[in-house]
Amino acid sequence: MEKGLRELRISAGMEIDDISGKTGITRRYLTAIENGDFEALPGDIYARGYIREYAKCLSIPSAEALQEYEAYLQRKGRDEKKAAAEEVRKSSFLLKLERFFYHKQGPQAGHQGQPCQ
């Protein structure tokens, strides 16, 4: 979408309160959508519904209005996968450290899993 929802709303001569009144979506959520602050929305189903209603109110295709949100979800998904991979790497590293610094002594010593002396 070349113009954002905010620009389209303004060019249509509408205030954010007009959109809120017609859609029943709070001003706070509409502002978050306009600013691309999708973290402020209550969840995926609501975000999609709110964006569709906003687009309908401005007479633009909902698929077009959802493009920015879809891009956000893809970025977020990549970031979450990257963070998960980092956690796996860290836990693997910590496990190796534990194996290096701690050793199992025989049952006769009674110090299984104790630090090396």
PDB file of N, CA and C in Angstrom:
ATOM      1  N   MET A   1       0.853  -1.170   0.000  1.00  0.00           N
ATOM      2  CA  MET A   1       0.000   0.000   0.000  1.00  0.00           C
ATOM      3  C   MET A   1       0.897   1.231   0.000  1.00  0.00           C
ATOM      4  N   GLU A   2       0.703   2.053  -0.982  1.00  0.00           N
ATOM      5  CA  GLU A   2       1.557   3.226  -1.130  1.00  0.00           C
ATOM      6  C   GLU A   2       1.359   4.213   0.022  1.00  0.00           C
ATOM      7  N   LYS A   3       0.123   4.549   0.299  1.00  0.00           N
ATOM      8  CA  LYS A   3      -0.187   5.432   1.423  1.00  0.00           C
ATOM      9  C   LYS A   3      -0.606   4.575   2.602  1.00  0.00           C
ATOM     10  N   GLY A   4      -0.262   5.040   3.793  1.00  0.00           N
ATOM     11  CA  GLY A   4      -0.692   4.342   4.991  1.00  0.00           C
ATOM     12  C   GLY A   4      -2.139   4.653   5.322  1.00  0.00           C
ATOM     13  N   LEU A   5      -2.680   3.920   6.275  1.00  0.00           N
ATOM     14  CA  LEU A   5      -4.076   4.124   6.667  1.00  0.00           C
ATOM     15  C   LEU A   5      -4.321   5.539   7.178  1.00  0.00           C
ATOM     16  N   ARG A   6      -3.369   6.060   7.899  1.00  0.00           N
ATOM     17  CA  ARG A   6      -3.518   7.429   8.428  1.00  0.00           C
ATOM     18  C   ARG A   6      -3.665   8.430   7.288  1.00  0.00           C
ATOM     19  N   GLU A   7      -2.773   8.337   6.295  1.00  0.00           N
ATOM     20  CA  GLU A   7      -2.822   9.258   5.162  1.00  0.00           C
ATOM     21  C   GLU A   7      -4.133   9.102   4.385  1.00  0.00           C
ATOM     22  N   LEU A   8      -4.578   7.866   4.223  1.00  0.00           N
ATOM     23  CA  LEU A   8      -5.843   7.630   3.521  1.00  0.00           C
ATOM     24  C   LEU A   8      -7.026   8.203   4.301  1.00  0.00           C
ATOM     25  N   ARG A   9      -6.970   8.043   5.624  1.00  0.00           N
ATOM     26  CA  ARG A   9      -8.034   8.591   6.466  1.00  0.00           C
ATOM     27  C   ARG A   9      -8.081  10.104   6.346  1.00  0.00           C
ATOM     28  N   ILE A  10      -6.924  10.738   6.427  1.00  0.00           N
ATOM     29  CA  ILE A  10      -6.851  12.198   6.349  1.00  0.00           C
ATOM     30  C   ILE A  10      -7.305  12.683   4.972  1.00  0.00           C
ATOM     31  N   SER A  11      -6.853  11.986   3.919  1.00  0.00           N
ATOM     32  CA  SER A  11      -7.263  12.409   2.570  1.00  0.00           C
ATOM     33  C   SER A  11      -8.762  12.212   2.343  1.00  0.00           C
ATOM     34  N   ALA A  12      -9.377  11.304   3.111  1.00  0.00           N
ATOM     35  CA  ALA A  12     -10.828  11.112   3.032  1.00  0.00           C
ATOM     36  C   ALA A  12     -11.567  12.135   3.897  1.00  0.00           C
ATOM     37  N   GLY A  13     -10.804  12.983   4.608  1.00  0.00           N
ATOM     38  CA  GLY A  13     -11.413  14.016   5.443  1.00  0.00           C
ATOM     39  C   GLY A  13     -12.001  13.468   6.729  1.00  0.00           C
ATOM     40  N   MET A  14     -11.454  12.361   7.219  1.00  0.00           N
ATOM     41  CA  MET A  14     -11.996  11.738   8.433  1.00  0.00           C
ATOM     42  C   MET A  14     -11.027  11.897   9.601  1.00  0.00           C
ATOM     43  N   GLU A  15     -11.606  12.039  10.770  1.00  0.00           N
ATOM     44  CA  GLU A  15     -10.836  12.066  12.012  1.00  0.00           C
ATOM     45  C   GLU A  15     -10.787  10.650  12.574  1.00  0.00           C
ATOM     46  N   ILE A  16      -9.847  10.416  13.434  1.00  0.00           N
ATOM     47  CA  ILE A  16      -9.730   9.077  14.035  1.00  0.00           C
ATOM     48  C   ILE A  16     -10.985   8.734  14.843  1.00  0.00           C
ATOM     49  N   ASP A  17     -11.595   9.754  15.442  1.00  0.00           N
ATOM     50  CA  ASP A  17     -12.830   9.523  16.194  1.00  0.00           C
ATOM     51  C   ASP A  17     -13.993   9.122  15.277  1.00  0.00           C
ATOM     52  N   ASP A  18     -13.961   9.586  14.031  1.00  0.00           N
ATOM     53  CA  ASP A  18     -14.974   9.159  13.054  1.00  0.00           C
ATOM     54  C   ASP A  18     -14.853   7.662  12.795  1.00  0.00           C
ATOM     55  N   ILE A  19     -13.633   7.203  12.601  1.00  0.00           N
ATOM     56  CA  ILE A  19     -13.387   5.784  12.339  1.00  0.00           C
ATOM     57  C   ILE A  19     -13.782   4.970  13.572  1.00  0.00           C
ATOM     58  N   SER A  20     -13.414   5.462  14.734  1.00  0.00           N
ATOM     59  CA  SER A  20     -13.743   4.774  15.982  1.00  0.00           C
ATOM     60  C   SER A  20     -15.252   4.641  16.151  1.00  0.00           C
ATOM     61  N   GLY A  21     -15.974   5.707  15.861  1.00  0.00           N
ATOM     62  CA  GLY A  21     -17.431   5.685  15.985  1.00  0.00           C
ATOM     63  C   GLY A  21     -18.095   4.717  15.021  1.00  0.00           C
ATOM     64  N   LYS A  22     -17.562   4.641  13.799  1.00  0.00           N
ATOM     65  CA  LYS A  22     -18.145   3.760  12.787  1.00  0.00           C
ATOM     66  C   LYS A  22     -17.790   2.291  12.998  1.00  0.00           C
ATOM     67  N   THR A  23     -16.599   2.036  13.545  1.00  0.00           N
ATOM     68  CA  THR A  23     -16.136   0.645  13.686  1.00  0.00           C
ATOM     69  C   THR A  23     -16.305   0.081  15.090  1.00  0.00           C
ATOM     70  N   GLY A  24     -16.365   0.952  16.080  1.00  0.00           N
ATOM     71  CA  GLY A  24     -16.417   0.494  17.469  1.00  0.00           C
ATOM     72  C   GLY A  24     -15.041   0.128  18.013  1.00  0.00           C
ATOM     73  N   ILE A  25     -14.007   0.425  17.247  1.00  0.00           N
ATOM     74  CA  ILE A  25     -12.625   0.144  17.674  1.00  0.00           C
ATOM     75  C   ILE A  25     -12.128   1.359  18.445  1.00  0.00           C
ATOM     76  N   THR A  26     -11.506   1.118  19.581  1.00  0.00           N
ATOM     77  CA  THR A  26     -11.032   2.238  20.388  1.00  0.00           C
ATOM     78  C   THR A  26      -9.990   3.056  19.643  1.00  0.00           C
ATOM     79  N   ARG A  27      -9.941   4.305  19.995  1.00  0.00           N
ATOM     80  CA  ARG A  27      -8.979   5.244  19.411  1.00  0.00           C
ATOM     81  C   ARG A  27      -7.548   4.744  19.597  1.00  0.00           C
ATOM     82  N   ARG A  28      -7.281   4.194  20.762  1.00  0.00           N
ATOM     83  CA  ARG A  28      -5.939   3.694  21.081  1.00  0.00           C
ATOM     84  C   ARG A  28      -5.493   2.627  20.081  1.00  0.00           C
ATOM     85  N   TYR A  29      -6.375   1.686  19.761  1.00  0.00           N
ATOM     86  CA  TYR A  29      -6.027   0.621  18.824  1.00  0.00           C
ATOM     87  C   TYR A  29      -5.899   1.148  17.398  1.00  0.00           C
ATOM     88  N   LEU A  30      -6.757   2.073  17.031  1.00  0.00           N
ATOM     89  CA  LEU A  30      -6.663   2.662  15.695  1.00  0.00           C
ATOM     90  C   LEU A  30      -5.342   3.417  15.523  1.00  0.00           C
ATOM     91  N   THR A  31      -4.959   4.152  16.545  1.00  0.00           N
ATOM     92  CA  THR A  31      -3.688   4.879  16.504  1.00  0.00           C
ATOM     93  C   THR A  31      -2.521   3.895  16.412  1.00  0.00           C
ATOM     94  N   ALA A  32      -2.600   2.796  17.167  1.00  0.00           N
ATOM     95  CA  ALA A  32      -1.546   1.780  17.117  1.00  0.00           C
ATOM     96  C   ALA A  32      -1.439   1.191  15.709  1.00  0.00           C
ATOM     97  N   ILE A  33      -2.563   0.923  15.084  1.00  0.00           N
ATOM     98  CA  ILE A  33      -2.567   0.391  13.716  1.00  0.00           C
ATOM     99  C   ILE A  33      -1.932   1.403  12.762  1.00  0.00           C
ATOM    100  N   GLU A  34      -2.329   2.654  12.866  1.00  0.00           N
ATOM    101  CA  GLU A  34      -1.766   3.688  11.993  1.00  0.00           C
ATOM    102  C   GLU A  34      -0.260   3.809  12.161  1.00  0.00           C
ATOM    103  N   ASN A  35       0.224   3.637  13.384  1.00  0.00           N
ATOM    104  CA  ASN A  35       1.651   3.785  13.670  1.00  0.00           C
ATOM    105  C   ASN A  35       2.435   2.491  13.471  1.00  0.00           C
ATOM    106  N   GLY A  36       1.747   1.414  13.121  1.00  0.00           N
ATOM    107  CA  GLY A  36       2.442   0.132  12.956  1.00  0.00           C
ATOM    108  C   GLY A  36       2.878  -0.475  14.278  1.00  0.00           C
ATOM    109  N   ASP A  37       2.265  -0.037  15.363  1.00  0.00           N
ATOM    110  CA  ASP A  37       2.585  -0.544  16.708  1.00  0.00           C
ATOM    111  C   ASP A  37       1.678  -1.724  17.019  1.00  0.00           C
ATOM    112  N   PHE A  38       1.895  -2.837  16.329  1.00  0.00           N
ATOM    113  CA  PHE A  38       1.004  -3.983  16.437  1.00  0.00           C
ATOM    114  C   PHE A  38       1.132  -4.719  17.772  1.00  0.00           C
ATOM    115  N   GLU A  39       2.213  -4.468  18.495  1.00  0.00           N
ATOM    116  CA  GLU A  39       2.372  -5.055  19.833  1.00  0.00           C
ATOM    117  C   GLU A  39       1.303  -4.521  20.793  1.00  0.00           C
ATOM    118  N   ALA A  40       0.780  -3.339  20.504  1.00  0.00           N
ATOM    119  CA  ALA A  40      -0.216  -2.711  21.379  1.00  0.00           C
ATOM    120  C   ALA A  40      -1.605  -3.321  21.196  1.00  0.00           C
ATOM    121  N   LEU A  41      -1.782  -4.127  20.163  1.00  0.00           N
ATOM    122  CA  LEU A  41      -3.091  -4.731  19.896  1.00  0.00           C
ATOM    123  C   LEU A  41      -3.256  -6.007  20.722  1.00  0.00           C
ATOM    124  N   PRO A  42      -4.498  -6.366  21.030  1.00  0.00           N
ATOM    125  CA  PRO A  42      -4.724  -7.485  21.952  1.00  0.00           C
ATOM    126  C   PRO A  42      -4.395  -8.876  21.415  1.00  0.00           C
ATOM    127  N   GLY A  43      -4.170  -9.055  20.137  1.00  0.00           N
ATOM    128  CA  GLY A  43      -3.826 -10.373  19.611  1.00  0.00           C
ATOM    129  C   GLY A  43      -4.071 -10.443  18.119  1.00  0.00           C
ATOM    130  N   ASP A  44      -3.619 -11.522  17.513  1.00  0.00           N
ATOM    131  CA  ASP A  44      -3.661 -11.665  16.059  1.00  0.00           C
ATOM    132  C   ASP A  44      -5.074 -11.577  15.491  1.00  0.00           C
ATOM    133  N   ILE A  45      -6.002 -12.305  16.065  1.00  0.00           N
ATOM    134  CA  ILE A  45      -7.375 -12.310  15.538  1.00  0.00           C
ATOM    135  C   ILE A  45      -7.979 -10.911  15.616  1.00  0.00           C
ATOM    136  N   TYR A  46      -7.773 -10.256  16.749  1.00  0.00           N
ATOM    137  CA  TYR A  46      -8.293  -8.899  16.901  1.00  0.00           C
ATOM    138  C   TYR A  46      -7.595  -7.943  15.934  1.00  0.00           C
ATOM    139  N   ALA A  47      -6.275  -8.061  15.828  1.00  0.00           N
ATOM    140  CA  ALA A  47      -5.524  -7.167  14.943  1.00  0.00           C
ATOM    141  C   ALA A  47      -6.038  -7.274  13.517  1.00  0.00           C
ATOM    142  N   ARG A  48      -6.195  -8.496  13.029  1.00  0.00           N
ATOM    143  CA  ARG A  48      -6.690  -8.691  11.663  1.00  0.00           C
ATOM    144  C   ARG A  48      -8.104  -8.116  11.501  1.00  0.00           C
ATOM    145  N   GLY A  49      -8.949  -8.381  12.470  1.00  0.00           N
ATOM    146  CA  GLY A  49     -10.316  -7.865  12.412  1.00  0.00           C
ATOM    147  C   GLY A  49     -10.362  -6.351  12.434  1.00  0.00           C
ATOM    148  N   TYR A  50      -9.566  -5.751  13.304  1.00  0.00           N
ATOM    149  CA  TYR A  50      -9.535  -4.292  13.394  1.00  0.00           C
ATOM    150  C   TYR A  50      -9.027  -3.673  12.091  1.00  0.00           C
ATOM    151  N   ILE A  51      -7.981  -4.251  11.528  1.00  0.00           N
ATOM    152  CA  ILE A  51      -7.425  -3.717  10.285  1.00  0.00           C
ATOM    153  C   ILE A  51      -8.435  -3.862   9.144  1.00  0.00           C
ATOM    154  N   ARG A  52      -9.118  -5.011   9.102  1.00  0.00           N
ATOM    155  CA  ARG A  52     -10.148  -5.209   8.061  1.00  0.00           C
ATOM    156  C   ARG A  52     -11.272  -4.183   8.189  1.00  0.00           C
ATOM    157  N   GLU A  53     -11.728  -3.959   9.429  1.00  0.00           N
ATOM    158  CA  GLU A  53     -12.804  -2.985   9.649  1.00  0.00           C
ATOM    159  C   GLU A  53     -12.365  -1.572   9.287  1.00  0.00           C
ATOM    160  N   TYR A  54     -11.138  -1.248   9.649  1.00  0.00           N
ATOM    161  CA  TYR A  54     -10.587   0.073   9.316  1.00  0.00           C
ATOM    162  C   TYR A  54     -10.562   0.228   7.793  1.00  0.00           C
ATOM    163  N   ALA A  55     -10.060  -0.787   7.090  1.00  0.00           N
ATOM    164  CA  ALA A  55      -9.983  -0.741   5.628  1.00  0.00           C
ATOM    165  C   ALA A  55     -11.373  -0.604   5.012  1.00  0.00           C
ATOM    166  N   LYS A  56     -12.324  -1.353   5.533  1.00  0.00           N
ATOM    167  CA  LYS A  56     -13.702  -1.302   5.039  1.00  0.00           C
ATOM    168  C   LYS A  56     -14.265   0.110   5.185  1.00  0.00           C
ATOM    169  N   CYS A  57     -13.969   0.733   6.312  1.00  0.00           N
ATOM    170  CA  CYS A  57     -14.448   2.084   6.577  1.00  0.00           C
ATOM    171  C   CYS A  57     -13.858   3.089   5.580  1.00  0.00           C
ATOM    172  N   LEU A  58     -12.641   2.819   5.102  1.00  0.00           N
ATOM    173  CA  LEU A  58     -11.983   3.703   4.137  1.00  0.00           C
ATOM    174  C   LEU A  58     -12.197   3.244   2.698  1.00  0.00           C
ATOM    175  N   SER A  59     -12.972   2.174   2.532  1.00  0.00           N
ATOM    176  CA  SER A  59     -13.261   1.608   1.198  1.00  0.00           C
ATOM    177  C   SER A  59     -12.002   1.178   0.441  1.00  0.00           C
ATOM    178  N   ILE A  60     -11.092   0.527   1.162  1.00  0.00           N
ATOM    179  CA  ILE A  60      -9.917  -0.045   0.504  1.00  0.00           C
ATOM    180  C   ILE A  60      -9.918  -1.554   0.740  1.00  0.00           C
ATOM    181  N   PRO A  61      -9.299  -2.325  -0.143  1.00  0.00           N
ATOM    182  CA  PRO A  61      -9.270  -3.782   0.029  1.00  0.00           C
ATOM    183  C   PRO A  61      -8.538  -4.171   1.322  1.00  0.00           C
ATOM    184  N   SER A  62      -9.140  -5.090   2.078  1.00  0.00           N
ATOM    185  CA  SER A  62      -8.542  -5.483   3.353  1.00  0.00           C
ATOM    186  C   SER A  62      -7.182  -6.151   3.145  1.00  0.00           C
ATOM    187  N   ALA A  63      -7.027  -6.904   2.050  1.00  0.00           N
ATOM    188  CA  ALA A  63      -5.739  -7.555   1.776  1.00  0.00           C
ATOM    189  C   ALA A  63      -4.628  -6.522   1.644  1.00  0.00           C
ATOM    190  N   GLU A  64      -4.954  -5.415   1.026  1.00  0.00           N
ATOM    191  CA  GLU A  64      -3.989  -4.327   0.867  1.00  0.00           C
ATOM    192  C   GLU A  64      -3.643  -3.711   2.225  1.00  0.00           C
ATOM    193  N   ALA A  65      -4.663  -3.518   3.054  1.00  0.00           N
ATOM    194  CA  ALA A  65      -4.454  -2.924   4.374  1.00  0.00           C
ATOM    195  C   ALA A  65      -3.678  -3.856   5.295  1.00  0.00           C
ATOM    196  N   LEU A  66      -3.808  -5.150   5.095  1.00  0.00           N
ATOM    197  CA  LEU A  66      -3.146  -6.135   5.959  1.00  0.00           C
ATOM    198  C   LEU A  66      -1.673  -6.357   5.609  1.00  0.00           C
ATOM    199  N   GLN A  67      -1.199  -5.824   4.511  1.00  0.00           N
ATOM    200  CA  GLN A  67       0.180  -6.068   4.070  1.00  0.00           C
ATOM    201  C   GLN A  67       1.215  -5.695   5.117  1.00  0.00           C
ATOM    202  N   GLU A  68       1.074  -4.531   5.710  1.00  0.00           N
ATOM    203  CA  GLU A  68       2.049  -4.084   6.715  1.00  0.00           C
ATOM    204  C   GLU A  68       2.029  -5.020   7.929  1.00  0.00           C
ATOM    205  N   TYR A  69       0.836  -5.430   8.336  1.00  0.00           N
ATOM    206  CA  TYR A  69       0.715  -6.343   9.475  1.00  0.00           C
ATOM    207  C   TYR A  69       1.347  -7.702   9.149  1.00  0.00           C
ATOM    208  N   GLU A  70       1.123  -8.199   7.942  1.00  0.00           N
ATOM    209  CA  GLU A  70       1.714  -9.468   7.524  1.00  0.00           C
ATOM    210  C   GLU A  70       3.239  -9.386   7.528  1.00  0.00           C
ATOM    211  N   ALA A  71       3.785  -8.276   7.053  1.00  0.00           N
ATOM    212  CA  ALA A  71       5.239  -8.075   7.066  1.00  0.00           C
ATOM    213  C   ALA A  71       5.757  -8.060   8.500  1.00  0.00           C
ATOM    214  N   TYR A  72       5.019  -7.407   9.385  1.00  0.00           N
ATOM    215  CA  TYR A  72       5.383  -7.382  10.808  1.00  0.00           C
ATOM    216  C   TYR A  72       5.436  -8.804  11.373  1.00  0.00           C
ATOM    217  N   LEU A  73       4.427  -9.611  11.062  1.00  0.00           N
ATOM    218  CA  LEU A  73       4.388 -10.988  11.567  1.00  0.00           C
ATOM    219  C   LEU A  73       5.564 -11.801  11.058  1.00  0.00           C
ATOM    220  N   GLN A  74       5.946 -11.599   9.809  1.00  0.00           N
ATOM    221  CA  GLN A  74       7.098 -12.316   9.259  1.00  0.00           C
ATOM    222  C   GLN A  74       8.379 -11.908   9.968  1.00  0.00           C
ATOM    223  N   ARG A  75       8.559 -10.604  10.194  1.00  0.00           N
ATOM    224  CA  ARG A  75       9.749 -10.134  10.924  1.00  0.00           C
ATOM    225  C   ARG A  75       9.759 -10.696  12.335  1.00  0.00           C
ATOM    226  N   LYS A  76       8.616 -10.650  12.977  1.00  0.00           N
ATOM    227  CA  LYS A  76       8.506 -11.140  14.349  1.00  0.00           C
ATOM    228  C   LYS A  76       8.812 -12.640  14.407  1.00  0.00           C
ATOM    229  N   GLY A  77       8.296 -13.389  13.435  1.00  0.00           N
ATOM    230  CA  GLY A  77       8.554 -14.831  13.378  1.00  0.00           C
ATOM    231  C   GLY A  77      10.028 -15.133  13.217  1.00  0.00           C
ATOM    232  N   ARG A  78      10.706 -14.371  12.353  1.00  0.00           N
ATOM    233  CA  ARG A  78      12.150 -14.571  12.167  1.00  0.00           C
ATOM    234  C   ARG A  78      12.885 -14.248  13.454  1.00  0.00           C
ATOM    235  N   ASP A  79      12.490 -13.154  14.115  1.00  0.00           N
ATOM    236  CA  ASP A  79      13.140 -12.759  15.364  1.00  0.00           C
ATOM    237  C   ASP A  79      12.930 -13.817  16.444  1.00  0.00           C
ATOM    238  N   GLU A  80      11.716 -14.376  16.530  1.00  0.00           N
ATOM    239  CA  GLU A  80      11.438 -15.397  17.531  1.00  0.00           C
ATOM    240  C   GLU A  80      12.215 -16.677  17.241  1.00  0.00           C
ATOM    241  N   LYS A  81      12.327 -17.051  15.963  1.00  0.00           N
ATOM    242  CA  LYS A  81      13.113 -18.241  15.608  1.00  0.00           C
ATOM    243  C   LYS A  81      14.581 -18.027  15.939  1.00  0.00           C
ATOM    244  N   LYS A  82      15.067 -16.824  15.668  1.00  0.00           N
ATOM    245  CA  LYS A  82      16.455 -16.495  15.969  1.00  0.00           C
ATOM    246  C   LYS A  82      16.699 -16.559  17.482  1.00  0.00           C
ATOM    247  N   ALA A  83      15.766 -16.025  18.266  1.00  0.00           N
ATOM    248  CA  ALA A  83      15.887 -16.038  19.728  1.00  0.00           C
ATOM    249  C   ALA A  83      15.840 -17.474  20.257  1.00  0.00           C
ATOM    250  N   ALA A  84      14.972 -18.303  19.690  1.00  0.00           N
ATOM    251  CA  ALA A  84      14.880 -19.702  20.117  1.00  0.00           C
ATOM    252  C   ALA A  84      16.173 -20.447  19.803  1.00  0.00           C
ATOM    253  N   ALA A  85      16.733 -20.198  18.622  1.00  0.00           N
ATOM    254  CA  ALA A  85      18.001 -20.837  18.250  1.00  0.00           C
ATOM    255  C   ALA A  85      19.111 -20.401  19.191  1.00  0.00           C
ATOM    256  N   GLU A  86      19.105 -19.127  19.576  1.00  0.00           N
ATOM    257  CA  GLU A  86      20.112 -18.614  20.512  1.00  0.00           C
ATOM    258  C   GLU A  86      19.974 -19.291  21.882  1.00  0.00           C
ATOM    259  N   GLU A  87      18.735 -19.502  22.331  1.00  0.00           N
ATOM    260  CA  GLU A  87      18.507 -20.188  23.608  1.00  0.00           C
ATOM    261  C   GLU A  87      19.031 -21.618  23.555  1.00  0.00           C
ATOM    262  N   VAL A  88      18.795 -22.292  22.441  1.00  0.00           N
ATOM    263  CA  VAL A  88      19.295 -23.662  22.286  1.00  0.00           C
ATOM    264  C   VAL A  88      20.814 -23.657  22.323  1.00  0.00           C
ATOM    265  N   ARG A  89      21.406 -22.703  21.622  1.00  0.00           N
ATOM    266  CA  ARG A  89      22.866 -22.611  21.601  1.00  0.00           C
ATOM    267  C   ARG A  89      23.410 -22.359  23.005  1.00  0.00           C
ATOM    268  N   LYS A  90      22.773 -21.453  23.741  1.00  0.00           N
ATOM    269  CA  LYS A  90      23.219 -21.152  25.102  1.00  0.00           C
ATOM    270  C   LYS A  90      23.066 -22.358  26.016  1.00  0.00           C
ATOM    271  N   SER A  91      21.926 -23.035  25.933  1.00  0.00           N
ATOM    272  CA  SER A  91      21.713 -24.181  26.818  1.00  0.00           C
ATOM    273  C   SER A  91      22.681 -25.304  26.471  1.00  0.00           C
ATOM    274  N   SER A  92      22.995 -25.477  25.197  1.00  0.00           N
ATOM    275  CA  SER A  92      23.973 -26.480  24.786  1.00  0.00           C
ATOM    276  C   SER A  92      25.348 -26.121  25.345  1.00  0.00           C
ATOM    277  N   PHE A  93      25.697 -24.842  25.267  1.00  0.00           N
ATOM    278  CA  PHE A  93      26.969 -24.375  25.797  1.00  0.00           C
ATOM    279  C   PHE A  93      27.036 -24.588  27.307  1.00  0.00           C
ATOM    280  N   LEU A  94      25.951 -24.267  28.015  1.00  0.00           N
ATOM    281  CA  LEU A  94      25.918 -24.443  29.469  1.00  0.00           C
ATOM    282  C   LEU A  94      26.027 -25.915  29.852  1.00  0.00           C
ATOM    283  N   LEU A  95      25.404 -26.766  29.080  1.00  0.00           N
ATOM    284  CA  LEU A  95      25.500 -28.195  29.336  1.00  0.00           C
ATOM    285  C   LEU A  95      26.942 -28.666  29.175  1.00  0.00           C
ATOM    286  N   LYS A  96      27.621 -28.178  28.156  1.00  0.00           N
ATOM    287  CA  LYS A  96      29.030 -28.538  27.951  1.00  0.00           C
ATOM    288  C   LYS A  96      29.882 -28.039  29.107  1.00  0.00           C
ATOM    289  N   LEU A  97      29.595 -26.807  29.570  1.00  0.00           N
ATOM    290  CA  LEU A  97      30.334 -26.271  30.722  1.00  0.00           C
ATOM    291  C   LEU A  97      30.112 -27.126  31.964  1.00  0.00           C
ATOM    292  N   GLU A  98      28.858 -27.514  32.171  1.00  0.00           N
ATOM    293  CA  GLU A  98      28.541 -28.338  33.331  1.00  0.00           C
ATOM    294  C   GLU A  98      29.297 -29.654  33.269  1.00  0.00           C
ATOM    295  N   ARG A  99      29.334 -30.261  32.119  1.00  0.00           N
ATOM    296  CA  ARG A  99      30.061 -31.529  31.963  1.00  0.00           C
ATOM    297  C   ARG A  99      31.551 -31.331  32.189  1.00  0.00           C
ATOM    298  N   PHE A 100      32.062 -30.169  31.788  1.00  0.00           N
ATOM    299  CA  PHE A 100      33.482 -29.894  31.948  1.00  0.00           C
ATOM    300  C   PHE A 100      33.846 -29.666  33.413  1.00  0.00           C
ATOM    301  N   PHE A 101      33.065 -28.872  34.115  1.00  0.00           N
ATOM    302  CA  PHE A 101      33.396 -28.496  35.480  1.00  0.00           C
ATOM    303  C   PHE A 101      32.905 -29.480  36.539  1.00  0.00           C
ATOM    304  N   TYR A 102      31.904 -30.246  36.219  1.00  0.00           N
ATOM    305  CA  TYR A 102      31.374 -31.212  37.160  1.00  0.00           C
ATOM    306  C   TYR A 102      31.628 -32.596  36.605  1.00  0.00           C
ATOM    307  N   HIS A 103      32.004 -33.479  37.443  1.00  0.00           N
ATOM    308  CA  HIS A 103      32.180 -34.838  36.966  1.00  0.00           C
ATOM    309  C   HIS A 103      31.512 -35.784  37.944  1.00  0.00           C
ATOM    310  N   LYS A 104      31.198 -36.925  37.456  1.00  0.00           N
ATOM    311  CA  LYS A 104      30.582 -37.927  38.318  1.00  0.00           C
ATOM    312  C   LYS A 104      31.691 -38.800  38.893  1.00  0.00           C
ATOM    313  N   GLN A 105      31.716 -38.841  40.184  1.00  0.00           N
ATOM    314  CA  GLN A 105      32.660 -39.736  40.831  1.00  0.00           C
ATOM    315  C   GLN A 105      31.951 -41.061  41.057  1.00  0.00           C
ATOM    316  N   GLY A 106      32.689 -42.070  41.281  1.00  0.00           N
ATOM    317  CA  GLY A 106      32.114 -43.396  41.496  1.00  0.00           C
ATOM    318  C   GLY A 106      31.196 -43.420  42.700  1.00  0.00           C
ATOM    319  N   PRO A 107      30.291 -44.407  42.762  1.00  0.00           N
ATOM    320  CA  PRO A 107      29.358 -44.493  43.878  1.00  0.00           C
ATOM    321  C   PRO A 107      30.046 -44.621  45.240  1.00  0.00           C
ATOM    322  N   GLN A 108      31.262 -45.143  45.252  1.00  0.00           N
ATOM    323  CA  GLN A 108      31.971 -45.281  46.526  1.00  0.00           C
ATOM    324  C   GLN A 108      32.365 -43.933  47.113  1.00  0.00           C
ATOM    325  N   ALA A 109      32.546 -42.915  46.283  1.00  0.00           N
ATOM    326  CA  ALA A 109      32.934 -41.621  46.798  1.00  0.00           C
ATOM    327  C   ALA A 109      31.737 -40.840  47.328  1.00  0.00           C
ATOM    328  N   GLY A 110      30.550 -41.150  46.812  1.00  0.00           N
ATOM    329  CA  GLY A 110      29.343 -40.459  47.296  1.00  0.00           C
ATOM    330  C   GLY A 110      29.264 -39.005  46.893  1.00  0.00           C
ATOM    331  N   HIS A 111      29.968 -38.602  45.844  1.00  0.00           N
ATOM    332  CA  HIS A 111      29.966 -37.203  45.432  1.00  0.00           C
ATOM    333  C   HIS A 111      29.469 -37.031  43.989  1.00  0.00           C
ATOM    334  N   GLN A 112      28.502 -37.798  43.591  1.00  0.00           N
ATOM    335  CA  GLN A 112      28.030 -37.694  42.221  1.00  0.00           C
ATOM    336  C   GLN A 112      27.508 -36.283  41.943  1.00  0.00           C
ATOM    337  N   GLY A 113      27.968 -35.731  40.837  1.00  0.00           N
ATOM    338  CA  GLY A 113      27.509 -34.423  40.429  1.00  0.00           C
ATOM    339  C   GLY A 113      28.089 -33.283  41.227  1.00  0.00           C
ATOM    340  N   GLN A 114      29.070 -33.495  42.034  1.00  0.00           N
ATOM    341  CA  GLN A 114      29.691 -32.443  42.840  1.00  0.00           C
ATOM    342  C   GLN A 114      30.808 -31.775  42.051  1.00  0.00           C
ATOM    343  N   PRO A 115      31.099 -30.511  42.357  1.00  0.00           N
ATOM    344  CA  PRO A 115      32.185 -29.843  41.657  1.00  0.00           C
ATOM    345  C   PRO A 115      33.524 -30.531  41.892  1.00  0.00           C
ATOM    346  N   CYS A 116      34.403 -30.412  40.920  1.00  0.00           N
ATOM    347  CA  CYS A 116      35.748 -30.976  41.057  1.00  0.00           C
ATOM    348  C   CYS A 116      36.478 -30.222  42.161  1.00  0.00           C
ATOM    349  N   GLN A 117      37.288 -30.899  42.893  1.00  0.00           N
ATOM    350  CA  GLN A 117      38.054 -30.300  43.979  1.00  0.00           C
ATOM    351  C   GLN A 117      39.436 -29.906  43.516  1.00  0.00           C
TER     352      GLN A 117
END
